[in-house]
N, C-alpha and C. Protein backbone atom coordinates (compact mmCIF):
# COMPACT_ATOMS: atom_id res chain seq x y z
N UNK A 1 96.81 71.99 69.81
CA UNK A 1 97.09 71.58 71.17
C UNK A 1 98.21 72.32 71.54
N UNK A 2 98.58 71.89 72.87
CA UNK A 2 100.02 72.04 73.49
C UNK A 2 101.13 72.06 72.73
N UNK A 3 101.19 70.56 72.48
CA UNK A 3 102.34 70.11 71.68
C UNK A 3 102.69 70.92 70.33
N UNK A 4 101.50 71.21 69.64
CA UNK A 4 101.60 72.03 68.55
C UNK A 4 102.12 73.40 68.57
N UNK A 5 101.73 73.85 69.67
CA UNK A 5 102.15 75.35 69.96
C UNK A 5 103.42 75.73 70.39
N UNK A 6 103.93 74.60 71.13
CA UNK A 6 105.28 74.58 71.88
C UNK A 6 106.24 74.23 70.69
N UNK A 7 105.76 73.24 69.52
CA UNK A 7 106.80 73.14 68.33
C UNK A 7 106.83 74.24 67.47
N UNK A 8 105.82 75.13 67.45
CA UNK A 8 105.68 76.26 66.75
C UNK A 8 106.26 77.14 67.16
N UNK A 9 106.70 77.44 68.39
CA UNK A 9 107.41 78.36 69.28
C UNK A 9 108.68 77.99 69.03
N UNK A 10 109.03 76.69 69.04
CA UNK A 10 110.67 76.31 68.92
C UNK A 10 110.95 76.20 67.44
N UNK A 11 110.02 76.26 66.46
CA UNK A 11 110.42 76.40 64.99
C UNK A 11 110.65 77.73 64.73
N UNK A 12 109.86 79.03 65.45
CA UNK A 12 110.10 80.12 65.24
C UNK A 12 111.42 80.66 65.80
N UNK A 13 111.64 79.94 67.04
CA UNK A 13 112.81 80.15 67.42
C UNK A 13 114.17 79.96 67.14
N UNK A 14 114.27 78.74 66.57
CA UNK A 14 115.20 78.24 65.82
C UNK A 14 115.36 79.02 64.47
N UNK A 15 114.29 79.59 63.79
CA UNK A 15 114.58 80.53 62.78
C UNK A 15 115.33 81.64 62.84
N UNK A 16 114.84 82.24 64.03
CA UNK A 16 115.36 83.67 64.49
C UNK A 16 116.89 83.41 64.92
N UNK A 17 117.16 82.30 65.42
CA UNK A 17 118.48 81.95 65.91
C UNK A 17 119.39 82.04 64.62
N UNK A 18 118.94 81.59 63.67
CA UNK A 18 119.42 81.32 62.19
C UNK A 18 120.39 82.92 61.61
N UNK A 19 119.64 83.89 62.20
CA UNK A 19 119.92 85.33 61.72
C UNK A 19 120.88 85.98 63.04
N UNK A 20 121.03 85.30 64.08
CA UNK A 20 121.91 85.81 65.00
C UNK A 20 123.43 86.10 64.33
N UNK A 21 124.19 87.32 64.74
CA UNK A 21 125.35 87.29 64.37
C UNK A 21 126.44 86.76 65.04
N UNK A 22 126.00 86.10 66.04
CA UNK A 22 126.82 85.29 67.18
C UNK A 22 126.85 83.90 66.43
N UNK A 23 128.03 83.44 66.39
CA UNK A 23 127.97 81.82 65.94
C UNK A 23 127.48 80.99 67.05
N UNK A 24 126.24 80.31 66.44
CA UNK A 24 125.73 79.14 67.50
C UNK A 24 125.65 77.96 66.58
N UNK A 25 126.05 77.02 67.42
CA UNK A 25 125.92 75.69 66.64
C UNK A 25 124.30 75.22 66.59
N UNK A 26 123.77 75.43 65.52
CA UNK A 26 122.36 75.29 65.43
C UNK A 26 122.00 73.81 64.82
N UNK A 27 123.03 73.28 64.13
CA UNK A 27 122.77 71.91 63.35
C UNK A 27 122.26 70.93 64.05
N UNK A 28 122.43 70.86 65.15
CA UNK A 28 122.18 69.63 66.12
C UNK A 28 120.84 69.92 66.49
N UNK A 29 120.55 71.23 67.43
CA UNK A 29 119.03 71.45 67.72
C UNK A 29 117.99 71.51 66.72
N UNK A 30 118.39 71.84 65.34
CA UNK A 30 117.46 71.77 64.43
C UNK A 30 117.37 70.35 64.01
N UNK A 31 118.29 69.34 63.99
CA UNK A 31 118.06 67.79 63.81
C UNK A 31 117.27 67.35 64.78
N UNK A 32 117.42 67.60 65.99
CA UNK A 32 116.51 67.29 66.94
C UNK A 32 115.15 67.71 67.00
N UNK A 33 115.17 68.71 66.77
CA UNK A 33 113.67 69.40 66.50
C UNK A 33 112.96 68.66 65.47
N UNK A 34 113.61 68.50 64.39
CA UNK A 34 112.92 67.95 63.09
C UNK A 34 112.57 66.50 63.58
N UNK A 35 113.66 65.63 64.23
CA UNK A 35 113.10 64.34 64.71
C UNK A 35 111.92 64.37 65.53
N UNK A 36 112.08 65.43 66.60
CA UNK A 36 110.76 65.30 67.40
C UNK A 36 109.47 65.48 66.67
N UNK A 37 109.57 66.68 65.97
CA UNK A 37 108.37 66.85 65.12
C UNK A 37 107.85 65.68 64.11
N UNK A 38 108.91 64.97 63.71
CA UNK A 38 108.46 63.62 62.85
C UNK A 38 107.76 62.62 63.93
N UNK A 39 108.25 62.42 64.97
CA UNK A 39 107.86 61.55 66.03
C UNK A 39 106.54 61.87 66.56
N UNK A 40 106.10 63.15 66.33
CA UNK A 40 104.81 63.49 67.06
C UNK A 40 103.86 63.18 65.94
N UNK A 41 104.17 62.86 64.75
CA UNK A 41 103.22 62.61 63.67
C UNK A 41 102.39 63.40 63.14
N UNK A 42 101.44 63.14 62.29
CA UNK A 42 101.22 64.22 61.05
C UNK A 42 100.34 65.27 61.79
N UNK A 43 99.52 64.73 62.98
CA UNK A 43 98.62 65.72 63.57
C UNK A 43 99.36 67.23 64.05
N UNK A 44 100.59 66.95 64.63
CA UNK A 44 101.39 68.17 64.87
C UNK A 44 101.85 68.73 63.86
N UNK A 45 102.31 67.99 62.53
CA UNK A 45 102.81 68.55 61.47
C UNK A 45 102.06 69.50 60.86
N UNK A 46 100.71 69.05 60.73
CA UNK A 46 99.73 69.66 60.20
C UNK A 46 99.18 70.94 60.78
N UNK A 47 99.45 70.89 62.03
CA UNK A 47 99.17 71.90 63.13
C UNK A 47 100.06 73.24 62.92
N UNK A 48 101.45 72.55 62.83
CA UNK A 48 102.58 73.58 62.78
C UNK A 48 102.55 74.26 61.22
N UNK A 49 102.36 73.34 60.43
CA UNK A 49 102.46 73.55 58.98
C UNK A 49 101.42 74.52 58.32
N UNK A 50 100.24 74.15 59.01
CA UNK A 50 98.94 75.36 58.56
C UNK A 50 98.70 76.42 59.46
N UNK A 51 99.82 76.83 60.21
CA UNK A 51 99.59 77.96 61.10
C UNK A 51 99.82 79.11 60.02
N UNK A 52 98.59 79.89 60.47
CA UNK A 52 98.72 80.98 59.16
C UNK A 52 99.94 82.15 59.03
N UNK A 53 100.70 82.24 59.97
CA UNK A 53 101.73 82.95 59.97
C UNK A 53 103.13 82.43 59.40
N UNK A 54 103.03 81.06 59.69
CA UNK A 54 104.02 80.15 58.98
C UNK A 54 103.77 79.93 57.55
N UNK A 55 102.42 79.81 57.26
CA UNK A 55 102.10 79.64 55.64
C UNK A 55 102.44 81.02 55.06
N UNK A 56 102.21 82.14 55.47
CA UNK A 56 102.60 83.45 55.03
C UNK A 56 103.96 83.64 54.81
N UNK A 57 104.73 83.44 55.83
CA UNK A 57 106.36 83.27 55.91
C UNK A 57 106.68 82.63 54.64
N UNK A 58 106.15 81.36 54.40
CA UNK A 58 106.56 80.19 53.56
C UNK A 58 106.47 80.73 52.23
N UNK A 59 105.21 81.33 51.98
CA UNK A 59 104.91 81.71 50.70
C UNK A 59 105.61 83.01 50.47
N UNK A 60 106.19 83.78 51.30
CA UNK A 60 107.00 85.02 50.72
C UNK A 60 108.43 84.31 51.02
N UNK A 61 108.78 83.21 51.27
CA UNK A 61 110.21 82.83 51.62
C UNK A 61 111.10 82.99 50.33
N UNK A 62 110.56 82.71 48.79
CA UNK A 62 111.64 82.99 47.94
C UNK A 62 111.83 84.08 47.81
N UNK A 63 110.90 84.97 47.76
CA UNK A 63 111.28 86.36 47.65
C UNK A 63 112.11 86.98 48.80
N UNK A 64 111.99 86.46 50.10
CA UNK A 64 113.04 86.72 50.82
C UNK A 64 114.28 86.47 50.61
N UNK A 65 114.52 85.16 49.98
CA UNK A 65 115.73 84.49 49.89
C UNK A 65 116.18 85.68 48.71
N UNK A 66 115.65 86.14 47.78
CA UNK A 66 116.17 86.83 46.57
C UNK A 66 116.48 88.24 47.15
N UNK A 67 115.87 88.91 48.17
CA UNK A 67 116.08 90.28 48.60
C UNK A 67 116.94 90.65 49.49
N UNK A 68 116.97 89.40 50.35
CA UNK A 68 117.95 89.85 51.51
C UNK A 68 119.34 90.27 51.44
N UNK A 69 120.05 89.30 50.34
CA UNK A 69 121.51 89.88 49.82
C UNK A 69 121.54 91.01 49.62
N UNK A 70 120.83 91.66 48.54
CA UNK A 70 121.00 93.25 48.30
C UNK A 70 120.80 93.92 49.18
N UNK A 71 119.87 93.73 50.08
CA UNK A 71 119.61 94.65 51.37
C UNK A 71 121.02 94.56 52.05
N UNK A 72 121.43 93.69 52.39
CA UNK A 72 122.87 93.46 53.27
C UNK A 72 123.94 94.20 52.48
N UNK A 73 123.91 93.97 51.35
CA UNK A 73 125.07 94.54 50.26
C UNK A 73 125.01 95.91 50.41
N UNK A 74 123.73 96.52 50.23
CA UNK A 74 123.44 98.00 50.32
C UNK A 74 123.67 98.88 51.66
N UNK A 75 123.39 97.74 52.72
CA UNK A 75 123.56 98.48 54.03
C UNK A 75 124.98 98.62 54.41
N UNK A 76 125.77 97.63 53.95
CA UNK A 76 127.38 97.43 54.08
C UNK A 76 127.89 98.74 53.48
N UNK A 77 127.18 98.86 52.19
CA UNK A 77 128.14 99.74 51.35
C UNK A 77 127.53 101.31 51.79
N UNK A 78 126.51 101.39 52.08
CA UNK A 78 125.98 102.88 52.67
C UNK A 78 126.46 103.36 54.18
N UNK A 79 126.72 102.20 54.84
CA UNK A 79 127.18 102.57 56.22
C UNK A 79 128.69 102.15 56.30
N UNK A 80 129.34 101.95 55.18
CA UNK A 80 130.79 101.74 55.07
C UNK A 80 131.19 100.64 56.09
N UNK A 81 130.56 99.61 56.34
CA UNK A 81 130.81 98.59 57.16
C UNK A 81 131.11 97.35 56.56
N UNK A 82 132.13 96.38 56.95
CA UNK A 82 132.51 95.26 56.26
C UNK A 82 131.85 94.15 57.07
N UNK A 83 131.33 94.15 58.27
CA UNK A 83 130.69 93.13 59.10
C UNK A 83 129.45 93.93 59.49
N UNK A 84 128.31 93.04 59.99
CA UNK A 84 127.16 93.64 60.57
C UNK A 84 127.30 93.67 62.08
N UNK A 85 127.07 94.46 62.69
CA UNK A 85 126.68 94.38 63.96
C UNK A 85 125.29 93.85 64.50
N UNK A 86 125.02 93.58 65.69
CA UNK A 86 123.61 93.34 66.06
C UNK A 86 122.50 94.21 65.56
N UNK A 87 122.62 95.73 65.68
CA UNK A 87 121.69 96.23 65.39
C UNK A 87 121.45 96.39 63.84
N UNK A 88 122.54 96.07 63.33
CA UNK A 88 122.51 96.42 61.41
C UNK A 88 121.76 94.95 61.17
N UNK A 89 122.22 93.70 61.89
CA UNK A 89 121.44 92.57 61.63
C UNK A 89 119.87 92.76 61.67
N UNK A 90 119.69 93.39 62.51
CA UNK A 90 117.92 93.54 62.95
C UNK A 90 117.44 94.58 61.86
N UNK A 91 118.05 95.64 61.46
CA UNK A 91 117.49 96.54 60.50
C UNK A 91 117.53 95.72 59.17
N UNK A 92 118.60 95.17 58.87
CA UNK A 92 118.55 94.25 57.57
C UNK A 92 117.44 93.34 57.36
N UNK A 93 117.35 92.78 58.64
CA UNK A 93 116.30 91.51 58.76
C UNK A 93 114.74 92.17 58.49
N UNK A 94 114.51 93.36 59.16
CA UNK A 94 113.18 93.86 59.15
C UNK A 94 113.04 94.62 57.66
N UNK A 95 114.04 95.19 57.20
CA UNK A 95 113.97 95.56 55.96
C UNK A 95 113.69 94.49 54.67
N UNK A 96 114.39 93.50 55.17
CA UNK A 96 114.18 92.22 54.07
C UNK A 96 112.91 91.80 54.44
N UNK A 97 112.45 91.55 55.48
CA UNK A 97 111.02 91.08 55.31
C UNK A 97 109.74 91.98 54.84
N UNK A 98 110.22 93.27 55.21
CA UNK A 98 109.21 94.28 54.68
C UNK A 98 109.19 94.24 53.17
N UNK A 99 110.39 94.21 52.45
CA UNK A 99 110.36 94.47 51.15
C UNK A 99 110.01 93.01 50.25
N UNK A 100 110.17 91.85 51.19
CA UNK A 100 109.70 90.41 50.72
C UNK A 100 108.32 90.48 50.58
N UNK A 101 107.66 90.88 51.96
CA UNK A 101 106.08 90.68 51.94
C UNK A 101 105.68 91.60 50.92
N UNK A 102 106.18 92.71 50.72
CA UNK A 102 105.57 93.78 49.79
C UNK A 102 105.62 93.46 48.41
N UNK A 103 106.85 92.69 48.10
CA UNK A 103 106.87 92.21 46.60
C UNK A 103 106.16 90.97 46.58
N UNK A 104 106.07 90.26 47.52
CA UNK A 104 104.98 88.80 47.22
C UNK A 104 103.51 89.35 46.92
N UNK A 105 103.23 90.38 47.99
CA UNK A 105 101.81 90.77 47.76
C UNK A 105 101.60 91.54 46.35
N UNK A 106 102.50 92.47 46.15
CA UNK A 106 102.20 93.38 44.87
C UNK A 106 102.63 92.91 43.72
N UNK A 107 103.65 91.96 43.62
CA UNK A 107 104.22 91.51 42.50
C UNK A 107 104.13 90.04 42.01
N UNK A 108 104.58 89.09 43.13
CA UNK A 108 104.48 87.61 42.88
C UNK A 108 102.92 87.20 42.80
N UNK A 109 102.26 87.52 43.71
CA UNK A 109 100.85 87.07 43.51
C UNK A 109 100.18 87.48 42.37
N UNK A 110 100.39 88.77 41.98
CA UNK A 110 99.73 89.30 40.60
C UNK A 110 100.20 88.66 39.51
N UNK A 111 101.59 88.21 39.16
CA UNK A 111 102.27 87.63 38.38
C UNK A 111 101.42 86.30 38.21
N UNK A 112 101.25 85.62 39.24
CA UNK A 112 100.88 84.23 39.19
C UNK A 112 99.15 84.13 38.64
N UNK A 113 98.63 85.19 38.64
CA UNK A 113 97.43 85.28 37.85
C UNK A 113 97.43 85.59 36.28
N UNK A 114 98.65 85.69 35.84
CA UNK A 114 98.58 86.22 34.56
C UNK A 114 98.63 85.14 33.57
N UNK A 115 98.17 85.31 32.32
CA UNK A 115 98.22 84.32 31.16
C UNK A 115 99.86 83.94 30.96
N UNK A 116 99.91 82.73 30.50
CA UNK A 116 101.45 82.47 30.10
C UNK A 116 101.90 83.32 28.72
N UNK A 117 101.09 83.76 28.00
CA UNK A 117 101.49 84.50 26.85
C UNK A 117 102.15 86.28 27.53
N UNK A 118 101.24 86.39 28.62
CA UNK A 118 101.46 87.69 29.14
C UNK A 118 102.99 87.91 30.06
N UNK A 119 103.11 86.53 30.42
CA UNK A 119 104.29 86.40 31.59
C UNK A 119 105.40 86.34 30.34
N UNK A 120 105.60 85.66 29.11
CA UNK A 120 106.53 85.59 28.41
C UNK A 120 106.68 87.05 27.70
N UNK A 121 105.86 87.61 27.21
CA UNK A 121 105.87 89.08 26.95
C UNK A 121 106.75 89.84 27.99
N UNK A 122 106.41 89.88 29.25
CA UNK A 122 107.13 90.69 30.19
C UNK A 122 108.32 90.33 30.35
N UNK A 123 108.77 88.71 30.15
CA UNK A 123 110.26 88.52 30.40
C UNK A 123 111.11 88.79 29.40
N UNK A 124 110.44 88.94 28.15
CA UNK A 124 111.27 89.49 26.86
C UNK A 124 111.51 90.77 27.29
N UNK A 125 110.51 91.83 27.62
CA UNK A 125 110.78 93.06 27.84
C UNK A 125 111.69 93.21 28.81
N UNK A 126 111.70 92.42 30.00
CA UNK A 126 112.63 92.76 30.97
C UNK A 126 114.05 92.38 30.36
N UNK A 127 114.20 91.40 29.80
CA UNK A 127 115.52 91.10 29.20
C UNK A 127 115.98 92.03 28.20
N UNK A 128 115.09 92.48 27.47
CA UNK A 128 115.35 93.65 26.45
C UNK A 128 116.12 94.98 27.13
N UNK A 129 115.14 95.23 28.16
CA UNK A 129 115.67 96.46 29.26
C UNK A 129 117.11 96.32 29.81
N UNK A 130 117.44 95.05 30.45
CA UNK A 130 118.57 94.51 30.87
C UNK A 130 119.62 94.90 29.92
N UNK A 131 119.45 94.47 28.85
CA UNK A 131 120.50 94.53 27.67
C UNK A 131 120.60 95.82 27.26
N UNK A 132 119.64 96.91 27.14
CA UNK A 132 119.54 98.07 26.98
C UNK A 132 120.73 98.57 28.00
N UNK A 133 120.17 98.61 29.26
CA UNK A 133 120.61 99.25 30.49
C UNK A 133 122.09 98.88 30.59
N UNK A 134 122.54 97.72 30.54
CA UNK A 134 123.73 96.97 30.77
C UNK A 134 124.83 97.63 29.55
N UNK A 135 124.31 97.68 28.18
CA UNK A 135 125.19 98.21 27.13
C UNK A 135 125.59 99.84 27.05
N UNK A 136 124.80 100.64 28.02
CA UNK A 136 125.17 101.87 27.90
C UNK A 136 126.52 101.90 28.76
N UNK A 137 127.43 102.87 28.23
CA UNK A 137 128.69 102.95 28.76
C UNK A 137 128.94 103.67 30.15
N UNK A 138 129.62 103.39 31.13
CA UNK A 138 129.42 104.21 32.14
C UNK A 138 130.61 105.58 31.85
N UNK A 139 129.89 106.54 32.66
CA UNK A 139 130.57 107.71 32.56
C UNK A 139 131.77 107.77 33.73
N UNK A 140 132.97 108.16 33.43
CA UNK A 140 133.83 108.24 34.47
C UNK A 140 133.76 109.69 35.28
């Protein structure tokens, strides 16, 4: 219904505001929004939380959490900036989202289908590669 759509739009807006480079006191509006969502009951919550786009975003959110900081760090390094302007925030956000959704679809979902034995072998191989790569002395 209309309430579910309004809450979905509000949720998306609050999420986007979190990425704003401008300091916005967001804690109070998010707390109020959460209270309204709880007061509306389970029908609205189910509608909001079962929205296919929010579910997709939620499923890829851990990968987004993992990739956003390296993306920002690499952007700052290659652009020689200490802080991000508005355009840089948008570029980093878009790149982080693209990388996160690609990794979620191409790596994370495939790994979830692997057997426990395959995952253990892969983790051991990855740790061995990390040990090998990090033990190679850097050339000056």
